[in-house]
Amino acid sequence: MKTNKRHIARNIIVFLTLLTVQPATGESPSKQSLSGLADEASKLFQQANELVQKAQQADRAKELYTQAILRYQKIIEEGKISNGPLYYNIGNAYLLKGDIGRAILNYRRAELLDTGDTDLAGSVSKNLEYARSKRLDQVPIKPKKRVLQTLFFWHYDFSTKTKFLIAGICWTLAWITASIRIWRRKGSLLVMILPLVVAISLAGSVALDVHHSRTNSQGVIVAEQVIARQGDGGNYPASFTEPLHSGTEFDLREQRSQWLRIELSSGDQGWIPADSAEIINPF
C-alpha cells in the first residue's frame, strides 16, 4: 500500500483544484480558507504517519487521521468540491486508522471521479484491492459474472473516462486511415477496421456504464457488523448464518423507510438497516 510517498502529490492536485473554485453567493468559504483546510489535513496526516512509523501513540495517530478526514470532508461539504484526490486521501486516512468499510467506500468514490490521471488511478486501484483483502467477508462472485469479467475484461477493468478517451482516439484513427485509403488508394483495410471496432466496443461499454450508474446504486457496509434479514424489520429471520461486516460491497435493489434490500456479488440478498451502510455515489 502506497500512502506516504504519494500523499503530498495528491494534495498538490487538491490545491490546484481549490484555486479554480468559484464560491457561490452568500457565506461560501473562500479559496484561501479551503486551501488552508487542505494544508491542515495534509500536516495532520503526516504527523499521524510519523507516529505510526515510530510505533508510538497509536490512539493519538488515529485521532490525527480523524482530524484530517474531518477537514477533507469540510472541503467537500462547504466548498462543494468532489474530486478523486480528495476521496483518495480520505480513503488512505480511514485505511490507516483501521476503518476498512469507509476506506473502501472512499476509494470507490475516487474511482467514480477518475480525472484521467493514470498514476492516481493506479494508486486508488492498488489501495482498494489491499483494503478489500483485509475485510472479514470475502464474498464470492457468481460464476456467470466471473465469466463475463474474464471475457470482457476491458469493460470491467477500465474506468469510464479511460474507455471514452481510447474510443475517441480509435475513432479518429479509423477515419484518418479511411481517408488515406480513399485518397491514395492504398493501406491495409485491417488498419482501418480494427480501431473502428475498438471504438464502437468501448463506446458501447461507456453507454452501459452510464446506464448502470443511473439505474443501479451501489454501497458499502460501514458498520462493524450487521445482521441481514429476510424482510425490512428487525423481527424478520436472518438471511445468512453469519452477520455481514464492514467493507462488504453490494448493489442496492430497494429501499423502504430505514431499510435497504441489498444484493451481494454472490447473488444472495437481504435487508439491512440504512444507517449501517453508505451509498457510493453521493454526488
Foldseek 3Di string as FASTA:
>chain_A
DDDVVCLVVLLVVVLVVLVPQDADPDPQDHSVVLNVLSVQLSVLQVVLVVCVVVVHDLVSSLVSLVSSLVSLVCCCVRSVDAELSSLQSNLVSCVSNPQLQSNLLSLLLSLLRDPVPVVSVVVSVVVNVVSLVPFPDPDDAAPVVVVVCVVPVVLVPDGLVVLQVLLVVLVVQLVVQVVCCVPVVDDDPCSNVVSNVSSVVSVVSSVVVVVCVVPKWKKWFRAQWWFFFADADPVGHGQDPGTGGRGFMWIFDDDDDQKTWTAHSNRGIGITGNVRMDISDPD
